[in-house]
C-alpha atoms as a PDB file:
ATOM      1  CA  MET A   1      88.087  52.696 -31.808  1.00  0.00           C
ATOM      2  CA  TYR A   2      86.457  52.408 -35.435  1.00  0.00           C
ATOM      3  CA  THR A   3      82.887  52.461 -35.325  1.00  0.00           C
ATOM      4  CA  ARG A   4      82.584  49.036 -36.517  1.00  0.00           C
ATOM      5  CA  GLU A   5      84.869  47.841 -33.438  1.00  0.00           C
ATOM      6  CA  PHE A   6      82.622  50.514 -31.120  1.00  0.00           C
ATOM      7  CA  VAL A   7      79.402  48.786 -32.937  1.00  0.00           C
ATOM      8  CA  ARG A   8      80.841  45.169 -32.219  1.00  0.00           C
ATOM      9  CA  ARG A   9      81.406  45.807 -28.364  1.00  0.00           C
ATOM     10  CA  VAL A  10      77.997  47.112 -28.069  1.00  0.00           C
ATOM     11  CA  SER A  11      76.546  44.133 -29.479  1.00  0.00           C
ATOM     12  CA  ASP A  12      78.241  41.230 -27.289  1.00  0.00           C
ATOM     13  CA  GLU A  13      77.587  43.768 -24.436  1.00  0.00           C
ATOM     14  CA  THR A  14      73.830  44.120 -24.698  1.00  0.00           C
ATOM     15  CA  HIS A  15      73.404  41.082 -26.781  1.00  0.00           C
ATOM     16  CA  LEU A  16      71.299  43.098 -29.431  1.00  0.00           C
ATOM     17  CA  SER A  17      72.131  42.580 -33.435  1.00  0.00           C
ATOM     18  CA  GLU A  18      75.035  44.674 -34.599  1.00  0.00           C
ATOM     19  CA  ARG A  19      72.579  45.796 -37.356  1.00  0.00           C
ATOM     20  CA  LEU A  20      70.347  47.491 -34.672  1.00  0.00           C
ATOM     21  CA  ILE A  21      73.101  48.586 -32.776  1.00  0.00           C
ATOM     22  CA  SER A  22      74.513  50.415 -35.703  1.00  0.00           C
ATOM     23  CA  GLU A  23      71.178  51.796 -36.933  1.00  0.00           C
ATOM     24  CA  MET A  24      70.797  53.394 -33.245  1.00  0.00           C
ATOM     25  CA  LEU A  25      74.294  54.983 -33.245  1.00  0.00           C
ATOM     26  CA  THR A  26      73.778  56.438 -36.778  1.00  0.00           C
ATOM     27  CA  ALA A  27      70.035  57.806 -35.454  1.00  0.00           C
ATOM     28  CA  SER A  28      71.863  59.024 -32.035  1.00  0.00           C
ATOM     29  CA  MET A  29      74.328  60.840 -33.673  1.00  0.00           C
ATOM     30  CA  LYS A  30      71.973  62.425 -36.155  1.00  0.00           C
ATOM     31  CA  VAL A  31      69.857  63.596 -33.262  1.00  0.00           C
ATOM     32  CA  VAL A  32      73.020  65.131 -31.703  1.00  0.00           C
ATOM     33  CA  ARG A  33      73.804  66.856 -34.873  1.00  0.00           C
ATOM     34  CA  GLU A  34      70.495  68.164 -35.308  1.00  0.00           C
ATOM     35  CA  SER A  35      70.577  69.724 -31.676  1.00  0.00           C
ATOM     36  CA  LEU A  36      73.737  71.302 -32.113  1.00  0.00           C
ATOM     37  CA  LYS A  37      72.961  72.810 -35.237  1.00  0.00           C
ATOM     38  CA  SER A  38      69.789  74.650 -33.963  1.00  0.00           C
ATOM     39  CA  GLY A  39      71.877  75.727 -31.447  1.00  0.00           C
ATOM     40  CA  GLN A  40      70.920  72.885 -28.356  1.00  0.00           C
ATOM     41  CA  GLN A  41      73.175  71.547 -26.092  1.00  0.00           C
ATOM     42  CA  VAL A  42      73.088  67.462 -25.795  1.00  0.00           C
ATOM     43  CA  ARG A  43      73.496  66.504 -21.653  1.00  0.00           C
ATOM     44  CA  PHE A  44      74.739  63.272 -20.611  1.00  0.00           C
ATOM     45  CA  PRO A  45      75.206  63.319 -17.522  1.00  0.00           C
ATOM     46  CA  GLY A  46      78.339  61.986 -16.275  1.00  0.00           C
ATOM     47  CA  PHE A  47      79.538  61.503 -19.808  1.00  0.00           C
ATOM     48  CA  GLY A  48      79.664  64.858 -21.026  1.00  0.00           C
ATOM     49  CA  VAL A  49      77.817  67.880 -22.654  1.00  0.00           C
ATOM     50  CA  PHE A  50      77.484  68.623 -26.461  1.00  0.00           C
ATOM     51  CA  TYR A  51      77.470  72.415 -27.409  1.00  0.00           C
ATOM     52  CA  THR A  52      78.685  75.204 -29.639  1.00  0.00           C
ATOM     53  CA  ARG A  53      80.690  78.438 -29.066  1.00  0.00           C
ATOM     54  CA  GLN A  54      81.659  81.189 -31.206  1.00  0.00           C
ATOM     55  CA  GLN A  55      85.162  80.989 -32.466  1.00  0.00           C
ATOM     56  CA  PRO A  56      86.538  84.244 -32.856  1.00  0.00           C
ATOM     57  CA  PRO A  57      88.000  85.432 -35.964  1.00  0.00           C
ATOM     58  CA  GLY A  58      91.468  85.289 -36.683  1.00  0.00           C
ATOM     59  CA  LYS A  59      94.691  84.825 -39.209  1.00  0.00           C
ATOM     60  CA  LEU A  60      96.677  81.431 -39.568  1.00  0.00           C
ATOM     61  CA  LYS A  61      99.813  80.580 -41.824  1.00  0.00           C
ATOM     62  CA  SER A  62      98.479  78.234 -44.878  1.00  0.00           C
ATOM     63  CA  ILE A  63     101.084  75.506 -44.779  1.00  0.00           C
ATOM     64  CA  SER A  64     100.602  75.008 -48.366  1.00  0.00           C
ATOM     65  CA  THR A  65     101.921  78.478 -49.251  1.00  0.00           C
ATOM     66  CA  GLY A  66     103.096  79.944 -46.328  1.00  0.00           C
ATOM     67  CA  LYS A  67     101.087  82.623 -46.691  1.00  0.00           C
ATOM     68  CA  VAL A  68      99.081  84.394 -43.424  1.00  0.00           C
ATOM     69  CA  VAL A  69      95.000  83.764 -44.370  1.00  0.00           C
ATOM     70  CA  ALA A  70      92.137  85.823 -42.746  1.00  0.00           C
ATOM     71  CA  VAL A  71      90.032  83.154 -41.120  1.00  0.00           C
ATOM     72  CA  ALA A  72      86.385  84.374 -40.304  1.00  0.00           C
ATOM     73  CA  ALA A  73      84.282  84.002 -37.131  1.00  0.00           C
ATOM     74  CA  ARG A  74      82.430  81.358 -36.467  1.00  0.00           C
ATOM     75  CA  ARG A  75      80.018  78.388 -34.661  1.00  0.00           C
ATOM     76  CA  VAL A  76      81.996  75.181 -33.962  1.00  0.00           C
ATOM     77  CA  ALA A  77      81.000  71.844 -32.174  1.00  0.00           C
ATOM     78  CA  ALA A  78      82.708  71.245 -28.194  1.00  0.00           C
ATOM     79  CA  PHE A  79      82.240  68.395 -25.609  1.00  0.00           C
ATOM     80  CA  ARG A  80      82.839  69.279 -22.280  1.00  0.00           C
ATOM     81  CA  VAL A  81      84.010  66.260 -20.391  1.00  0.00           C
ATOM     82  CA  GLY A  82      81.667  64.973 -17.423  1.00  0.00           C
ATOM     83  CA  ALA A  83      82.816  64.527 -13.961  1.00  0.00           C
ATOM     84  CA  THR A  84      82.302  60.333 -14.152  1.00  0.00           C
ATOM     85  CA  LEU A  85      83.928  60.322 -17.497  1.00  0.00           C
ATOM     86  CA  LYS A  86      86.761  62.073 -16.214  1.00  0.00           C
ATOM     87  CA  LYS A  87      87.521  60.211 -12.924  1.00  0.00           C
ATOM     88  CA  ALA A  88      86.965  56.845 -14.728  1.00  0.00           C
ATOM     89  CA  VAL A  89      90.162  58.120 -17.433  1.00  0.00           C
ATOM     90  CA  LEU A  90      92.153  58.742 -14.197  1.00  0.00           C
ATOM     91  CA  LYS A  91      92.277  55.617 -13.179  1.00  0.00           C
ATOM     92  CA  LYS A  92      94.708  53.459 -14.128  1.00  0.00           C
END
């Protein structure tokens, strides 16, 4: 599902304008991004946790050249699924 469809469905569910939902989504993503940038976790009980973790240095093979390239250690964004969401996805 793309953002446009997501906004449309939330708008239908809440009876709020698509423009308002889009602005709220943009603001929410900005808050999550800034929180992760500053090292904070963002928790949504039952849904999951956005957090950062340290990726160790390593070596990767370049697809275009076939050469092995060294990759420096870096901080990456991660998401841990909450129990309620996990159960909902498992149900058919």
